[in-house]
Amino acid sequence: MAKPARGRKDFEIEYEYVDDLGQVVRREREKLGLSQAELASLVKTKETIIKKIEQNEFNPPLDLVKRLEKVLKTSLLTVAVEEKLTTKTPPPQPTYTLEDLLKKQNKQ
């Protein structure tokens, strides 16, 4: 996973799967003339995992997606840059007790 650029703490890089990940994997696998078992072997996973990915029943971990990208020679991830929202808390307001309010009222 890519790390955020140094000194840039206001953005966080996250990855998202391409739309229809399963269809893309299947299409690219078939273009290369690979069976699900052959693709599984090349990316060091089980055939059932490839089947589940192609049927959109499993969201693979990032490392597996990167191996699939390398073998299939296609992009399966998009970069989603999210701006970190920093909220400033207002300074604490003084708290008054009933006694403080009565003293203040008596002074007036």
PDB file of N, CA and C in Angstrom:
ATOM      1  N   MET A   1       0.846  -1.174   0.000  1.00  0.00           N
ATOM      2  CA  MET A   1       0.000   0.000   0.000  1.00  0.00           C
ATOM      3  C   MET A   1       0.887   1.232   0.000  1.00  0.00           C
ATOM      4  N   ALA A   2       0.551   2.187  -0.813  1.00  0.00           N
ATOM      5  CA  ALA A   2       1.344   3.406  -0.896  1.00  0.00           C
ATOM      6  C   ALA A   2       1.201   4.211   0.384  1.00  0.00           C
ATOM      7  N   LYS A   3       2.286   4.855   0.758  1.00  0.00           N
ATOM      8  CA  LYS A   3       2.269   5.677   1.952  1.00  0.00           C
ATOM      9  C   LYS A   3       1.981   7.117   1.554  1.00  0.00           C
ATOM     10  N   PRO A   4       1.332   7.876   2.439  1.00  0.00           N
ATOM     11  CA  PRO A   4       1.107   9.282   2.136  1.00  0.00           C
ATOM     12  C   PRO A   4       2.444  10.004   1.985  1.00  0.00           C
ATOM     13  N   ALA A   5       2.472  11.039   1.175  1.00  0.00           N
ATOM     14  CA  ALA A   5       3.695  11.803   0.970  1.00  0.00           C
ATOM     15  C   ALA A   5       4.143  12.417   2.282  1.00  0.00           C
ATOM     16  N   ARG A   6       5.446  12.496   2.465  1.00  0.00           N
ATOM     17  CA  ARG A   6       5.985  13.085   3.694  1.00  0.00           C
ATOM     18  C   ARG A   6       5.582  14.542   3.802  1.00  0.00           C
ATOM     19  N   GLY A   7       5.282  14.932   5.015  1.00  0.00           N
ATOM     20  CA  GLY A   7       4.921  16.313   5.251  1.00  0.00           C
ATOM     21  C   GLY A   7       3.497  16.655   4.844  1.00  0.00           C
ATOM     22  N   ARG A   8       2.777  15.716   4.295  1.00  0.00           N
ATOM     23  CA  ARG A   8       1.397  15.949   3.862  1.00  0.00           C
ATOM     24  C   ARG A   8       0.478  15.147   4.771  1.00  0.00           C
ATOM     25  N   LYS A   9       0.179  15.684   5.896  1.00  0.00           N
ATOM     26  CA  LYS A   9      -0.650  14.963   6.844  1.00  0.00           C
ATOM     27  C   LYS A   9      -2.130  15.267   6.674  1.00  0.00           C
ATOM     28  N   ASP A  10      -2.458  16.116   5.691  1.00  0.00           N
ATOM     29  CA  ASP A  10      -3.851  16.486   5.509  1.00  0.00           C
ATOM     30  C   ASP A  10      -4.575  15.578   4.521  1.00  0.00           C
ATOM     31  N   PHE A  11      -3.864  14.605   3.929  1.00  0.00           N
ATOM     32  CA  PHE A  11      -4.478  13.669   3.002  1.00  0.00           C
ATOM     33  C   PHE A  11      -4.099  12.247   3.366  1.00  0.00           C
ATOM     34  N   GLU A  12      -5.000  11.329   3.144  1.00  0.00           N
ATOM     35  CA  GLU A  12      -4.752   9.917   3.396  1.00  0.00           C
ATOM     36  C   GLU A  12      -5.095   9.157   2.120  1.00  0.00           C
ATOM     37  N   ILE A  13      -4.178   8.302   1.660  1.00  0.00           N
ATOM     38  CA  ILE A  13      -4.398   7.568   0.417  1.00  0.00           C
ATOM     39  C   ILE A  13      -5.037   6.227   0.728  1.00  0.00           C
ATOM     40  N   GLU A  14      -6.132   5.961   0.074  1.00  0.00           N
ATOM     41  CA  GLU A  14      -6.816   4.681   0.198  1.00  0.00           C
ATOM     42  C   GLU A  14      -7.101   4.163  -1.196  1.00  0.00           C
ATOM     43  N   TYR A  15      -7.236   2.846  -1.288  1.00  0.00           N
ATOM     44  CA  TYR A  15      -7.525   2.222  -2.572  1.00  0.00           C
ATOM     45  C   TYR A  15      -8.945   1.686  -2.578  1.00  0.00           C
ATOM     46  N   GLU A  16      -9.550   1.740  -3.754  1.00  0.00           N
ATOM     47  CA  GLU A  16     -10.875   1.153  -3.962  1.00  0.00           C
ATOM     48  C   GLU A  16     -10.786   0.218  -5.155  1.00  0.00           C
ATOM     49  N   TYR A  17     -11.606  -0.825  -5.127  1.00  0.00           N
ATOM     50  CA  TYR A  17     -11.665  -1.729  -6.274  1.00  0.00           C
ATOM     51  C   TYR A  17     -12.332  -1.020  -7.448  1.00  0.00           C
ATOM     52  N   VAL A  18     -11.933  -1.400  -8.661  1.00  0.00           N
ATOM     53  CA  VAL A  18     -12.632  -0.883  -9.835  1.00  0.00           C
ATOM     54  C   VAL A  18     -14.065  -1.405  -9.805  1.00  0.00           C
ATOM     55  N   ASP A  19     -14.955  -0.710 -10.502  1.00  0.00           N
ATOM     56  CA  ASP A  19     -16.331  -1.194 -10.602  1.00  0.00           C
ATOM     57  C   ASP A  19     -16.315  -2.556 -11.283  1.00  0.00           C
ATOM     58  N   ASP A  20     -17.156  -3.449 -10.837  1.00  0.00           N
ATOM     59  CA  ASP A  20     -17.267  -4.794 -11.417  1.00  0.00           C
ATOM     60  C   ASP A  20     -15.929  -5.528 -11.423  1.00  0.00           C
ATOM     61  N   LEU A  21     -15.270  -5.552 -10.285  1.00  0.00           N
ATOM     62  CA  LEU A  21     -13.972  -6.219 -10.149  1.00  0.00           C
ATOM     63  C   LEU A  21     -14.012  -7.640 -10.689  1.00  0.00           C
ATOM     64  N   GLY A  22     -15.040  -8.387 -10.328  1.00  0.00           N
ATOM     65  CA  GLY A  22     -15.149  -9.777 -10.761  1.00  0.00           C
ATOM     66  C   GLY A  22     -15.196  -9.924 -12.269  1.00  0.00           C
ATOM     67  N   GLN A  23     -15.968  -9.062 -12.921  1.00  0.00           N
ATOM     68  CA  GLN A  23     -16.073  -9.119 -14.387  1.00  0.00           C
ATOM     69  C   GLN A  23     -14.748  -8.772 -15.053  1.00  0.00           C
ATOM     70  N   VAL A  24     -14.044  -7.799 -14.494  1.00  0.00           N
ATOM     71  CA  VAL A  24     -12.750  -7.403 -15.057  1.00  0.00           C
ATOM     72  C   VAL A  24     -11.754  -8.551 -14.924  1.00  0.00           C
ATOM     73  N   VAL A  25     -11.707  -9.181 -13.754  1.00  0.00           N
ATOM     74  CA  VAL A  25     -10.785 -10.306 -13.542  1.00  0.00           C
ATOM     75  C   VAL A  25     -11.097 -11.423 -14.535  1.00  0.00           C
ATOM     76  N   ARG A  26     -12.365 -11.755 -14.664  1.00  0.00           N
ATOM     77  CA  ARG A  26     -12.748 -12.838 -15.581  1.00  0.00           C
ATOM     78  C   ARG A  26     -12.390 -12.504 -17.034  1.00  0.00           C
ATOM     79  N   ARG A  27     -12.733 -11.287 -17.453  1.00  0.00           N
ATOM     80  CA  ARG A  27     -12.458 -10.873 -18.833  1.00  0.00           C
ATOM     81  C   ARG A  27     -10.961 -10.928 -19.138  1.00  0.00           C
ATOM     82  N   GLU A  28     -10.147 -10.395 -18.243  1.00  0.00           N
ATOM     83  CA  GLU A  28      -8.699 -10.357 -18.470  1.00  0.00           C
ATOM     84  C   GLU A  28      -8.090 -11.756 -18.396  1.00  0.00           C
ATOM     85  N   ARG A  29      -8.610 -12.589 -17.512  1.00  0.00           N
ATOM     86  CA  ARG A  29      -8.134 -13.978 -17.411  1.00  0.00           C
ATOM     87  C   ARG A  29      -8.416 -14.714 -18.712  1.00  0.00           C
ATOM     88  N   GLU A  30      -9.628 -14.541 -19.230  1.00  0.00           N
ATOM     89  CA  GLU A  30     -10.010 -15.215 -20.476  1.00  0.00           C
ATOM     90  C   GLU A  30      -9.206 -14.689 -21.668  1.00  0.00           C
ATOM     91  N   LYS A  31      -8.892 -13.387 -21.681  1.00  0.00           N
ATOM     92  CA  LYS A  31      -8.063 -12.818 -22.748  1.00  0.00           C
ATOM     93  C   LYS A  31      -6.702 -13.510 -22.803  1.00  0.00           C
ATOM     94  N   LEU A  32      -6.177 -13.843 -21.619  1.00  0.00           N
ATOM     95  CA  LEU A  32      -4.870 -14.497 -21.548  1.00  0.00           C
ATOM     96  C   LEU A  32      -4.970 -16.006 -21.752  1.00  0.00           C
ATOM     97  N   GLY A  33      -6.195 -16.509 -21.877  1.00  0.00           N
ATOM     98  CA  GLY A  33      -6.392 -17.940 -22.089  1.00  0.00           C
ATOM     99  C   GLY A  33      -6.091 -18.781 -20.866  1.00  0.00           C
ATOM    100  N   LEU A  34      -6.296 -18.200 -19.688  1.00  0.00           N
ATOM    101  CA  LEU A  34      -6.018 -18.909 -18.436  1.00  0.00           C
ATOM    102  C   LEU A  34      -7.299 -19.471 -17.833  1.00  0.00           C
ATOM    103  N   SER A  35      -7.185 -20.628 -17.220  1.00  0.00           N
ATOM    104  CA  SER A  35      -8.307 -21.171 -16.448  1.00  0.00           C
ATOM    105  C   SER A  35      -8.248 -20.533 -15.058  1.00  0.00           C
ATOM    106  N   GLN A  36      -9.314 -20.700 -14.300  1.00  0.00           N
ATOM    107  CA  GLN A  36      -9.313 -20.181 -12.930  1.00  0.00           C
ATOM    108  C   GLN A  36      -8.212 -20.846 -12.110  1.00  0.00           C
ATOM    109  N   ALA A  37      -8.010 -22.138 -12.329  1.00  0.00           N
ATOM    110  CA  ALA A  37      -6.972 -22.872 -11.599  1.00  0.00           C
ATOM    111  C   ALA A  37      -5.580 -22.344 -11.950  1.00  0.00           C
ATOM    112  N   GLU A  38      -5.358 -22.061 -13.235  1.00  0.00           N
ATOM    113  CA  GLU A  38      -4.050 -21.544 -13.658  1.00  0.00           C
ATOM    114  C   GLU A  38      -3.790 -20.159 -13.069  1.00  0.00           C
ATOM    115  N   LEU A  39      -4.811 -19.307 -13.099  1.00  0.00           N
ATOM    116  CA  LEU A  39      -4.654 -17.972 -12.521  1.00  0.00           C
ATOM    117  C   LEU A  39      -4.382 -18.076 -11.023  1.00  0.00           C
ATOM    118  N   ALA A  40      -5.123 -18.945 -10.355  1.00  0.00           N
ATOM    119  CA  ALA A  40      -4.929 -19.134  -8.919  1.00  0.00           C
ATOM    120  C   ALA A  40      -3.489 -19.540  -8.621  1.00  0.00           C
ATOM    121  N   SER A  41      -2.962 -20.444  -9.412  1.00  0.00           N
ATOM    122  CA  SER A  41      -1.585 -20.899  -9.226  1.00  0.00           C
ATOM    123  C   SER A  41      -0.596 -19.752  -9.418  1.00  0.00           C
ATOM    124  N   LEU A  42      -0.826 -18.933 -10.431  1.00  0.00           N
ATOM    125  CA  LEU A  42       0.081 -17.820 -10.726  1.00  0.00           C
ATOM    126  C   LEU A  42       0.091 -16.750  -9.633  1.00  0.00           C
ATOM    127  N   VAL A  43      -1.052 -16.553  -8.979  1.00  0.00           N
ATOM    128  CA  VAL A  43      -1.120 -15.526  -7.930  1.00  0.00           C
ATOM    129  C   VAL A  43      -1.048 -16.126  -6.527  1.00  0.00           C
ATOM    130  N   LYS A  44      -0.751 -17.420  -6.468  1.00  0.00           N
ATOM    131  CA  LYS A  44      -0.550 -18.121  -5.195  1.00  0.00           C
ATOM    132  C   LYS A  44      -1.768 -18.046  -4.268  1.00  0.00           C
ATOM    133  N   THR A  45      -2.898 -18.463  -4.817  1.00  0.00           N
ATOM    134  CA  THR A  45      -4.116 -18.559  -4.021  1.00  0.00           C
ATOM    135  C   THR A  45      -4.884 -19.786  -4.481  1.00  0.00           C
ATOM    136  N   LYS A  46      -6.052 -20.009  -3.908  1.00  0.00           N
ATOM    137  CA  LYS A  46      -6.865 -21.175  -4.267  1.00  0.00           C
ATOM    138  C   LYS A  46      -7.822 -20.835  -5.406  1.00  0.00           C
ATOM    139  N   GLU A  47      -8.158 -21.855  -6.171  1.00  0.00           N
ATOM    140  CA  GLU A  47      -9.092 -21.677  -7.284  1.00  0.00           C
ATOM    141  C   GLU A  47     -10.439 -21.161  -6.789  1.00  0.00           C
ATOM    142  N   THR A  48     -10.875 -21.632  -5.628  1.00  0.00           N
ATOM    143  CA  THR A  48     -12.171 -21.187  -5.091  1.00  0.00           C
ATOM    144  C   THR A  48     -12.176 -19.683  -4.816  1.00  0.00           C
ATOM    145  N   ILE A  49     -11.033 -19.142  -4.444  1.00  0.00           N
ATOM    146  CA  ILE A  49     -10.942 -17.693  -4.208  1.00  0.00           C
ATOM    147  C   ILE A  49     -11.147 -16.946  -5.525  1.00  0.00           C
ATOM    148  N   ILE A  50     -10.520 -17.425  -6.596  1.00  0.00           N
ATOM    149  CA  ILE A  50     -10.692 -16.793  -7.915  1.00  0.00           C
ATOM    150  C   ILE A  50     -12.160 -16.870  -8.336  1.00  0.00           C
ATOM    151  N   LYS A  51     -12.792 -18.023  -8.119  1.00  0.00           N
ATOM    152  CA  LYS A  51     -14.218 -18.171  -8.457  1.00  0.00           C
ATOM    153  C   LYS A  51     -15.059 -17.153  -7.700  1.00  0.00           C
ATOM    154  N   LYS A  52     -14.791 -17.016  -6.403  1.00  0.00           N
ATOM    155  CA  LYS A  52     -15.571 -16.088  -5.578  1.00  0.00           C
ATOM    156  C   LYS A  52     -15.338 -14.636  -5.987  1.00  0.00           C
ATOM    157  N   ILE A  53     -14.102 -14.311  -6.356  1.00  0.00           N
ATOM    158  CA  ILE A  53     -13.816 -12.946  -6.827  1.00  0.00           C
ATOM    159  C   ILE A  53     -14.606 -12.668  -8.097  1.00  0.00           C
ATOM    160  N   GLU A  54     -14.568 -13.614  -9.038  1.00  0.00           N
ATOM    161  CA  GLU A  54     -15.260 -13.423 -10.317  1.00  0.00           C
ATOM    162  C   GLU A  54     -16.775 -13.356 -10.150  1.00  0.00           C
ATOM    163  N   GLN A  55     -17.296 -13.974  -9.109  1.00  0.00           N
ATOM    164  CA  GLN A  55     -18.737 -13.945  -8.853  1.00  0.00           C
ATOM    165  C   GLN A  55     -19.117 -12.809  -7.895  1.00  0.00           C
ATOM    166  N   ASN A  56     -18.157 -11.949  -7.596  1.00  0.00           N
ATOM    167  CA  ASN A  56     -18.351 -10.827  -6.666  1.00  0.00           C
ATOM    168  C   ASN A  56     -18.858 -11.278  -5.305  1.00  0.00           C
ATOM    169  N   GLU A  57     -18.362 -12.410  -4.845  1.00  0.00           N
ATOM    170  CA  GLU A  57     -18.740 -12.932  -3.532  1.00  0.00           C
ATOM    171  C   GLU A  57     -17.624 -12.743  -2.511  1.00  0.00           C
ATOM    172  N   PHE A  58     -16.497 -12.203  -2.954  1.00  0.00           N
ATOM    173  CA  PHE A  58     -15.342 -12.063  -2.068  1.00  0.00           C
ATOM    174  C   PHE A  58     -14.565 -10.819  -2.464  1.00  0.00           C
ATOM    175  N   ASN A  59     -14.272  -9.986  -1.487  1.00  0.00           N
ATOM    176  CA  ASN A  59     -13.423  -8.819  -1.713  1.00  0.00           C
ATOM    177  C   ASN A  59     -12.010  -9.191  -1.289  1.00  0.00           C
ATOM    178  N   PRO A  60     -11.125  -9.387  -2.251  1.00  0.00           N
ATOM    179  CA  PRO A  60      -9.779  -9.853  -1.929  1.00  0.00           C
ATOM    180  C   PRO A  60      -8.953  -8.794  -1.208  1.00  0.00           C
ATOM    181  N   PRO A  61      -7.987  -9.243  -0.414  1.00  0.00           N
ATOM    182  CA  PRO A  61      -7.099  -8.289   0.250  1.00  0.00           C
ATOM    183  C   PRO A  61      -6.206  -7.578  -0.776  1.00  0.00           C
ATOM    184  N   LEU A  62      -5.675  -6.453  -0.377  1.00  0.00           N
ATOM    185  CA  LEU A  62      -4.882  -5.616  -1.268  1.00  0.00           C
ATOM    186  C   LEU A  62      -3.707  -6.364  -1.892  1.00  0.00           C
ATOM    187  N   ASP A  63      -3.007  -7.182  -1.118  1.00  0.00           N
ATOM    188  CA  ASP A  63      -1.844  -7.888  -1.673  1.00  0.00           C
ATOM    189  C   ASP A  63      -2.249  -8.849  -2.790  1.00  0.00           C
ATOM    190  N   LEU A  64      -3.386  -9.502  -2.661  1.00  0.00           N
ATOM    191  CA  LEU A  64      -3.855 -10.407  -3.711  1.00  0.00           C
ATOM    192  C   LEU A  64      -4.262  -9.622  -4.958  1.00  0.00           C
ATOM    193  N   VAL A  65      -4.911  -8.493  -4.768  1.00  0.00           N
ATOM    194  CA  VAL A  65      -5.318  -7.669  -5.912  1.00  0.00           C
ATOM    195  C   VAL A  65      -4.087  -7.189  -6.674  1.00  0.00           C
ATOM    196  N   LYS A  66      -3.049  -6.824  -5.955  1.00  0.00           N
ATOM    197  CA  LYS A  66      -1.818  -6.376  -6.624  1.00  0.00           C
ATOM    198  C   LYS A  66      -1.181  -7.515  -7.418  1.00  0.00           C
ATOM    199  N   ARG A  67      -1.229  -8.735  -6.888  1.00  0.00           N
ATOM    200  CA  ARG A  67      -0.698  -9.886  -7.636  1.00  0.00           C
ATOM    201  C   ARG A  67      -1.550 -10.150  -8.875  1.00  0.00           C
ATOM    202  N   LEU A  68      -2.870 -10.015  -8.735  1.00  0.00           N
ATOM    203  CA  LEU A  68      -3.762 -10.184  -9.891  1.00  0.00           C
ATOM    204  C   LEU A  68      -3.461  -9.132 -10.958  1.00  0.00           C
ATOM    205  N   GLU A  69      -3.263  -7.894 -10.532  1.00  0.00           N
ATOM    206  CA  GLU A  69      -2.940  -6.827 -11.483  1.00  0.00           C
ATOM    207  C   GLU A  69      -1.674  -7.161 -12.269  1.00  0.00           C
ATOM    208  N   LYS A  70      -0.687  -7.673 -11.566  1.00  0.00           N
ATOM    209  CA  LYS A  70       0.594  -7.987 -12.208  1.00  0.00           C
ATOM    210  C   LYS A  70       0.434  -9.095 -13.250  1.00  0.00           C
ATOM    211  N   VAL A  71      -0.276 -10.160 -12.889  1.00  0.00           N
ATOM    212  CA  VAL A  71      -0.458 -11.295 -13.802  1.00  0.00           C
ATOM    213  C   VAL A  71      -1.383 -10.926 -14.956  1.00  0.00           C
ATOM    214  N   LEU A  72      -2.481 -10.239 -14.647  1.00  0.00           N
ATOM    215  CA  LEU A  72      -3.472  -9.902 -15.676  1.00  0.00           C
ATOM    216  C   LEU A  72      -3.089  -8.665 -16.487  1.00  0.00           C
ATOM    217  N   LYS A  73      -2.071  -7.951 -16.016  1.00  0.00           N
ATOM    218  CA  LYS A  73      -1.595  -6.736 -16.701  1.00  0.00           C
ATOM    219  C   LYS A  73      -2.722  -5.726 -16.902  1.00  0.00           C
ATOM    220  N   THR A  74      -3.432  -5.468 -15.813  1.00  0.00           N
ATOM    221  CA  THR A  74      -4.517  -4.493 -15.843  1.00  0.00           C
ATOM    222  C   THR A  74      -4.652  -3.850 -14.471  1.00  0.00           C
ATOM    223  N   SER A  75      -5.320  -2.718 -14.412  1.00  0.00           N
ATOM    224  CA  SER A  75      -5.554  -2.033 -13.142  1.00  0.00           C
ATOM    225  C   SER A  75      -6.856  -2.515 -12.526  1.00  0.00           C
ATOM    226  N   LEU A  76      -6.774  -2.897 -11.276  1.00  0.00           N
ATOM    227  CA  LEU A  76      -7.961  -3.350 -10.549  1.00  0.00           C
ATOM    228  C   LEU A  76      -8.283  -2.433  -9.374  1.00  0.00           C
ATOM    229  N   LEU A  77      -7.429  -1.444  -9.158  1.00  0.00           N
ATOM    230  CA  LEU A  77      -7.604  -0.518  -8.044  1.00  0.00           C
ATOM    231  C   LEU A  77      -7.627   0.914  -8.554  1.00  0.00           C
ATOM    232  N   THR A  78      -8.360   1.744  -7.844  1.00  0.00           N
ATOM    233  CA  THR A  78      -8.308   3.179  -8.089  1.00  0.00           C
ATOM    234  C   THR A  78      -7.895   3.828  -6.782  1.00  0.00           C
ATOM    235  N   VAL A  79      -7.249   4.960  -6.878  1.00  0.00           N
ATOM    236  CA  VAL A  79      -6.801   5.660  -5.681  1.00  0.00           C
ATOM    237  C   VAL A  79      -7.892   6.623  -5.254  1.00  0.00           C
ATOM    238  N   ALA A  80      -8.269   6.518  -4.016  1.00  0.00           N
ATOM    239  CA  ALA A  80      -9.260   7.431  -3.446  1.00  0.00           C
ATOM    240  C   ALA A  80      -8.540   8.276  -2.407  1.00  0.00           C
ATOM    241  N   VAL A  81      -8.385   9.551  -2.681  1.00  0.00           N
ATOM    242  CA  VAL A  81      -7.701  10.441  -1.751  1.00  0.00           C
ATOM    243  C   VAL A  81      -8.764  11.140  -0.923  1.00  0.00           C
ATOM    244  N   GLU A  82      -8.652  10.967   0.361  1.00  0.00           N
ATOM    245  CA  GLU A  82      -9.614  11.603   1.255  1.00  0.00           C
ATOM    246  C   GLU A  82      -8.899  12.655   2.078  1.00  0.00           C
ATOM    247  N   GLU A  83      -9.514  13.809   2.155  1.00  0.00           N
ATOM    248  CA  GLU A  83      -8.949  14.866   2.974  1.00  0.00           C
ATOM    249  C   GLU A  83      -9.299  14.575   4.424  1.00  0.00           C
ATOM    250  N   LYS A  84      -8.281  14.626   5.253  1.00  0.00           N
ATOM    251  CA  LYS A  84      -8.536  14.427   6.672  1.00  0.00           C
ATOM    252  C   LYS A  84      -9.199  15.686   7.215  1.00  0.00           C
ATOM    253  N   LEU A  85     -10.269  15.480   7.908  1.00  0.00           N
ATOM    254  CA  LEU A  85     -10.963  16.615   8.498  1.00  0.00           C
ATOM    255  C   LEU A  85     -10.418  16.840   9.898  1.00  0.00           C
ATOM    256  N   THR A  86      -9.947  18.028  10.119  1.00  0.00           N
ATOM    257  CA  THR A  86      -9.459  18.349  11.449  1.00  0.00           C
ATOM    258  C   THR A  86     -10.465  19.292  12.080  1.00  0.00           C
ATOM    259  N   THR A  87     -10.932  18.927  13.209  1.00  0.00           N
ATOM    260  CA  THR A  87     -11.896  19.767  13.904  1.00  0.00           C
ATOM    261  C   THR A  87     -11.210  20.393  15.100  1.00  0.00           C
ATOM    262  N   LYS A  88     -11.453  21.651  15.252  1.00  0.00           N
ATOM    263  CA  LYS A  88     -10.892  22.348  16.396  1.00  0.00           C
ATOM    264  C   LYS A  88     -11.973  22.418  17.464  1.00  0.00           C
ATOM    265  N   THR A  89     -11.601  22.021  18.637  1.00  0.00           N
ATOM    266  CA  THR A  89     -12.557  22.106  19.736  1.00  0.00           C
ATOM    267  C   THR A  89     -12.464  23.508  20.328  1.00  0.00           C
ATOM    268  N   PRO A  90     -13.600  24.083  20.614  1.00  0.00           N
ATOM    269  CA  PRO A  90     -13.569  25.424  21.194  1.00  0.00           C
ATOM    270  C   PRO A  90     -12.931  25.373  22.580  1.00  0.00           C
ATOM    271  N   PRO A  91     -12.357  26.489  22.999  1.00  0.00           N
ATOM    272  CA  PRO A  91     -11.750  26.491  24.333  1.00  0.00           C
ATOM    273  C   PRO A  91     -12.827  26.234  25.380  1.00  0.00           C
ATOM    274  N   PRO A  92     -12.449  25.610  26.455  1.00  0.00           N
ATOM    275  CA  PRO A  92     -13.457  25.296  27.477  1.00  0.00           C
ATOM    276  C   PRO A  92     -14.056  26.569  28.064  1.00  0.00           C
ATOM    277  N   GLN A  93     -15.351  26.556  28.234  1.00  0.00           N
ATOM    278  CA  GLN A  93     -16.060  27.683  28.823  1.00  0.00           C
ATOM    279  C   GLN A  93     -16.026  27.522  30.344  1.00  0.00           C
ATOM    280  N   PRO A  94     -15.935  28.639  31.028  1.00  0.00           N
ATOM    281  CA  PRO A  94     -15.936  28.522  32.490  1.00  0.00           C
ATOM    282  C   PRO A  94     -17.282  27.978  32.975  1.00  0.00           C
ATOM    283  N   THR A  95     -17.231  27.193  33.995  1.00  0.00           N
ATOM    284  CA  THR A  95     -18.468  26.647  34.559  1.00  0.00           C
ATOM    285  C   THR A  95     -18.799  27.407  35.837  1.00  0.00           C
ATOM    286  N   TYR A  96     -20.059  27.650  36.008  1.00  0.00           N
ATOM    287  CA  TYR A  96     -20.523  28.382  37.177  1.00  0.00           C
ATOM    288  C   TYR A  96     -21.403  27.485  38.021  1.00  0.00           C
ATOM    289  N   THR A  97     -21.231  27.625  39.304  1.00  0.00           N
ATOM    290  CA  THR A  97     -22.113  26.914  40.224  1.00  0.00           C
ATOM    291  C   THR A  97     -23.245  27.866  40.610  1.00  0.00           C
ATOM    292  N   LEU A  98     -24.242  27.336  41.248  1.00  0.00           N
ATOM    293  CA  LEU A  98     -25.355  28.157  41.712  1.00  0.00           C
ATOM    294  C   LEU A  98     -24.850  29.199  42.702  1.00  0.00           C
ATOM    295  N   GLU A  99     -23.891  28.806  43.508  1.00  0.00           N
ATOM    296  CA  GLU A  99     -23.313  29.728  44.485  1.00  0.00           C
ATOM    297  C   GLU A  99     -22.633  30.905  43.774  1.00  0.00           C
ATOM    298  N   ASP A 100     -21.898  30.622  42.688  1.00  0.00           N
ATOM    299  CA  ASP A 100     -21.236  31.687  41.924  1.00  0.00           C
ATOM    300  C   ASP A 100     -22.265  32.666  41.366  1.00  0.00           C
ATOM    301  N   LEU A 101     -23.352  32.151  40.846  1.00  0.00           N
ATOM    302  CA  LEU A 101     -24.391  33.003  40.274  1.00  0.00           C
ATOM    303  C   LEU A 101     -25.050  33.871  41.343  1.00  0.00           C
ATOM    304  N   LEU A 102     -25.291  33.291  42.526  1.00  0.00           N
ATOM    305  CA  LEU A 102     -25.896  34.065  43.614  1.00  0.00           C
ATOM    306  C   LEU A 102     -24.964  35.173  44.079  1.00  0.00           C
ATOM    307  N   LYS A 103     -23.666  34.869  44.165  1.00  0.00           N
ATOM    308  CA  LYS A 103     -22.696  35.893  44.570  1.00  0.00           C
ATOM    309  C   LYS A 103     -22.666  37.025  43.556  1.00  0.00           C
ATOM    310  N   LYS A 104     -22.704  36.660  42.280  1.00  0.00           N
ATOM    311  CA  LYS A 104     -22.675  37.659  41.218  1.00  0.00           C
ATOM    312  C   LYS A 104     -23.929  38.536  41.277  1.00  0.00           C
ATOM    313  N   GLN A 105     -25.075  37.920  41.571  1.00  0.00           N
ATOM    314  CA  GLN A 105     -26.331  38.657  41.642  1.00  0.00           C
ATOM    315  C   GLN A 105     -26.319  39.595  42.848  1.00  0.00           C
ATOM    316  N   ASN A 106     -25.763  39.153  43.963  1.00  0.00           N
ATOM    317  CA  ASN A 106     -25.721  39.979  45.168  1.00  0.00           C
ATOM    318  C   ASN A 106     -24.802  41.181  44.998  1.00  0.00           C
ATOM    319  N   LYS A 107     -23.770  41.069  44.157  1.00  0.00           N
ATOM    320  CA  LYS A 107     -22.850  42.173  43.918  1.00  0.00           C
ATOM    321  C   LYS A 107     -23.528  43.278  43.121  1.00  0.00           C
ATOM    322  N   GLN A 108     -24.501  42.930  42.328  1.00  0.00           N
ATOM    323  CA  GLN A 108     -25.170  43.928  41.485  1.00  0.00           C
ATOM    324  C   GLN A 108     -26.224  44.578  42.266  1.00  0.00           C
TER     325      GLN A 108
END
